[in-house]
Amino acid sequence: MPTPNTPVTVSELRMRPVGDQVWGKYIIMSLQKRRTKDGKEICNLRLGDRTGEIESVIWDGTQVSADYESGRLIGAVGDVGQYNN
């Protein structure tokens, strides 16, 4: 099991329990900025690395330290969650 100082790959993310805080380096494969019914801005991202791809969300109020766009390599810290559409 990775330590908190070890970056987590996409394949490892799929194995982590909801609520775990993880970090890793990923390529933004695609993104879609949108607003919720309440008018809050969120961004759906598809992140990838050499082990696969996974959906993620940047929720309104999340601290973002740089611009994000498709094709960009990012370092991300977040909590593993599950969301049902």
C-alpha atoms as a PDB file:
ATOM      1  CA  MET A   1       0.000   0.000   0.000  1.00  0.00           C
ATOM      2  CA  PRO A   2       1.425   3.435  -0.929  1.00  0.00           C
ATOM      3  CA  THR A   3       2.462   5.770   1.869  1.00  0.00           C
ATOM      4  CA  PRO A   4       1.101   9.350   2.032  1.00  0.00           C
ATOM      5  CA  ASN A   5       4.380  10.493   0.398  1.00  0.00           C
ATOM      6  CA  THR A   6       4.017   8.145  -2.572  1.00  0.00           C
ATOM      7  CA  PRO A   7       2.103   9.308  -5.659  1.00  0.00           C
ATOM      8  CA  VAL A   8      -0.950   7.168  -6.442  1.00  0.00           C
ATOM      9  CA  THR A   9      -1.531   5.860  -9.979  1.00  0.00           C
ATOM     10  CA  VAL A  10      -4.972   5.678 -11.595  1.00  0.00           C
ATOM     11  CA  SER A  11      -5.074   1.895 -11.189  1.00  0.00           C
ATOM     12  CA  GLU A  12      -4.268   2.289  -7.473  1.00  0.00           C
ATOM     13  CA  LEU A  13      -6.966   4.967  -7.125  1.00  0.00           C
ATOM     14  CA  ARG A  14      -9.577   2.442  -8.205  1.00  0.00           C
ATOM     15  CA  MET A  15      -8.595   0.249  -5.237  1.00  0.00           C
ATOM     16  CA  ARG A  16      -8.652   2.962  -2.560  1.00  0.00           C
ATOM     17  CA  PRO A  17     -11.612   3.302  -0.192  1.00  0.00           C
ATOM     18  CA  VAL A  18     -13.922   6.329  -0.268  1.00  0.00           C
ATOM     19  CA  GLY A  19     -12.547   9.021   2.021  1.00  0.00           C
ATOM     20  CA  ASP A  20      -8.832   8.308   1.480  1.00  0.00           C
ATOM     21  CA  GLN A  21      -6.776  11.389   0.683  1.00  0.00           C
ATOM     22  CA  VAL A  22      -4.346  10.782  -2.163  1.00  0.00           C
ATOM     23  CA  TRP A  23      -2.008  12.660  -4.451  1.00  0.00           C
ATOM     24  CA  GLY A  24      -0.523  11.950  -7.822  1.00  0.00           C
ATOM     25  CA  LYS A  25       0.617  13.320 -11.164  1.00  0.00           C
ATOM     26  CA  TYR A  26      -1.809  13.020 -14.058  1.00  0.00           C
ATOM     27  CA  ILE A  27      -2.451  14.292 -17.580  1.00  0.00           C
ATOM     28  CA  ILE A  28      -5.734  16.113 -18.124  1.00  0.00           C
ATOM     29  CA  MET A  29      -7.240  14.052 -20.943  1.00  0.00           C
ATOM     30  CA  SER A  30     -10.379  16.194 -21.212  1.00  0.00           C
ATOM     31  CA  LEU A  31     -12.344  18.694 -19.182  1.00  0.00           C
ATOM     32  CA  GLN A  32     -15.775  20.257 -19.137  1.00  0.00           C
ATOM     33  CA  LYS A  33     -16.554  23.354 -17.096  1.00  0.00           C
ATOM     34  CA  ARG A  34     -20.185  23.811 -16.156  1.00  0.00           C
ATOM     35  CA  ARG A  35     -22.540  25.247 -13.562  1.00  0.00           C
ATOM     36  CA  THR A  36     -24.746  23.309 -11.186  1.00  0.00           C
ATOM     37  CA  LYS A  37     -28.474  24.001 -10.808  1.00  0.00           C
ATOM     38  CA  ASP A  38     -27.490  26.270  -7.903  1.00  0.00           C
ATOM     39  CA  GLY A  39     -25.131  28.265 -10.140  1.00  0.00           C
ATOM     40  CA  LYS A  40     -21.899  26.902  -8.637  1.00  0.00           C
ATOM     41  CA  GLU A  41     -19.039  26.360 -11.065  1.00  0.00           C
ATOM     42  CA  ILE A  42     -17.567  22.854 -11.261  1.00  0.00           C
ATOM     43  CA  CYS A  43     -15.252  21.130 -13.691  1.00  0.00           C
ATOM     44  CA  ASN A  44     -15.422  17.487 -14.742  1.00  0.00           C
ATOM     45  CA  LEU A  45     -11.977  16.122 -15.629  1.00  0.00           C
ATOM     46  CA  ARG A  46     -10.812  12.898 -17.180  1.00  0.00           C
ATOM     47  CA  LEU A  47      -7.347  12.275 -15.763  1.00  0.00           C
ATOM     48  CA  GLY A  48      -4.869   9.721 -17.022  1.00  0.00           C
ATOM     49  CA  ASP A  49      -1.470   8.202 -16.463  1.00  0.00           C
ATOM     50  CA  ARG A  50       0.383   5.154 -17.772  1.00  0.00           C
ATOM     51  CA  THR A  51      -2.018   2.858 -15.867  1.00  0.00           C
ATOM     52  CA  GLY A  52      -5.351   4.172 -17.171  1.00  0.00           C
ATOM     53  CA  GLU A  53      -7.918   6.974 -16.979  1.00  0.00           C
ATOM     54  CA  ILE A  54     -10.432   8.069 -14.346  1.00  0.00           C
ATOM     55  CA  GLU A  55     -13.169  10.680 -13.948  1.00  0.00           C
ATOM     56  CA  SER A  56     -12.710  13.430 -11.372  1.00  0.00           C
ATOM     57  CA  VAL A  57     -14.387  16.674 -10.332  1.00  0.00           C
ATOM     58  CA  ILE A  58     -13.114  20.052  -9.212  1.00  0.00           C
ATOM     59  CA  TRP A  59     -15.916  21.315  -6.979  1.00  0.00           C
ATOM     60  CA  ASP A  60     -16.816  24.964  -6.402  1.00  0.00           C
ATOM     61  CA  GLY A  61     -14.532  26.425  -3.744  1.00  0.00           C
ATOM     62  CA  THR A  62     -11.657  24.012  -4.393  1.00  0.00           C
ATOM     63  CA  GLN A  63      -8.214  25.597  -4.206  1.00  0.00           C
ATOM     64  CA  VAL A  64      -6.589  25.568  -7.653  1.00  0.00           C
ATOM     65  CA  SER A  65      -3.073  26.986  -7.947  1.00  0.00           C
ATOM     66  CA  ALA A  66      -2.726  27.076 -11.757  1.00  0.00           C
ATOM     67  CA  ASP A  67      -4.733  27.119 -14.966  1.00  0.00           C
ATOM     68  CA  TYR A  68      -5.869  23.723 -16.123  1.00  0.00           C
ATOM     69  CA  GLU A  69      -6.489  22.611 -19.687  1.00  0.00           C
ATOM     70  CA  SER A  70      -6.462  19.422 -21.746  1.00  0.00           C
ATOM     71  CA  GLY A  71      -3.000  17.967 -22.261  1.00  0.00           C
ATOM     72  CA  ARG A  72      -1.518  19.580 -19.181  1.00  0.00           C
ATOM     73  CA  LEU A  73       0.405  17.557 -16.601  1.00  0.00           C
ATOM     74  CA  ILE A  74      -0.850  18.336 -13.099  1.00  0.00           C
ATOM     75  CA  GLY A  75      -0.127  17.368  -9.542  1.00  0.00           C
ATOM     76  CA  ALA A  76      -3.356  16.785  -7.655  1.00  0.00           C
ATOM     77  CA  VAL A  77      -4.332  16.177  -4.048  1.00  0.00           C
ATOM     78  CA  GLY A  78      -7.843  15.004  -3.351  1.00  0.00           C
ATOM     79  CA  ASP A  79     -10.215  12.722  -1.531  1.00  0.00           C
ATOM     80  CA  VAL A  80     -11.433   9.488  -3.085  1.00  0.00           C
ATOM     81  CA  GLY A  81     -15.193   9.709  -3.538  1.00  0.00           C
ATOM     82  CA  GLN A  82     -18.077   8.133  -5.329  1.00  0.00           C
ATOM     83  CA  TYR A  83     -20.788  10.063  -7.119  1.00  0.00           C
ATOM     84  CA  ASN A  84     -23.919   8.711  -8.777  1.00  0.00           C
ATOM     85  CA  ASN A  85     -25.292  10.731 -11.679  1.00  0.00           C
END
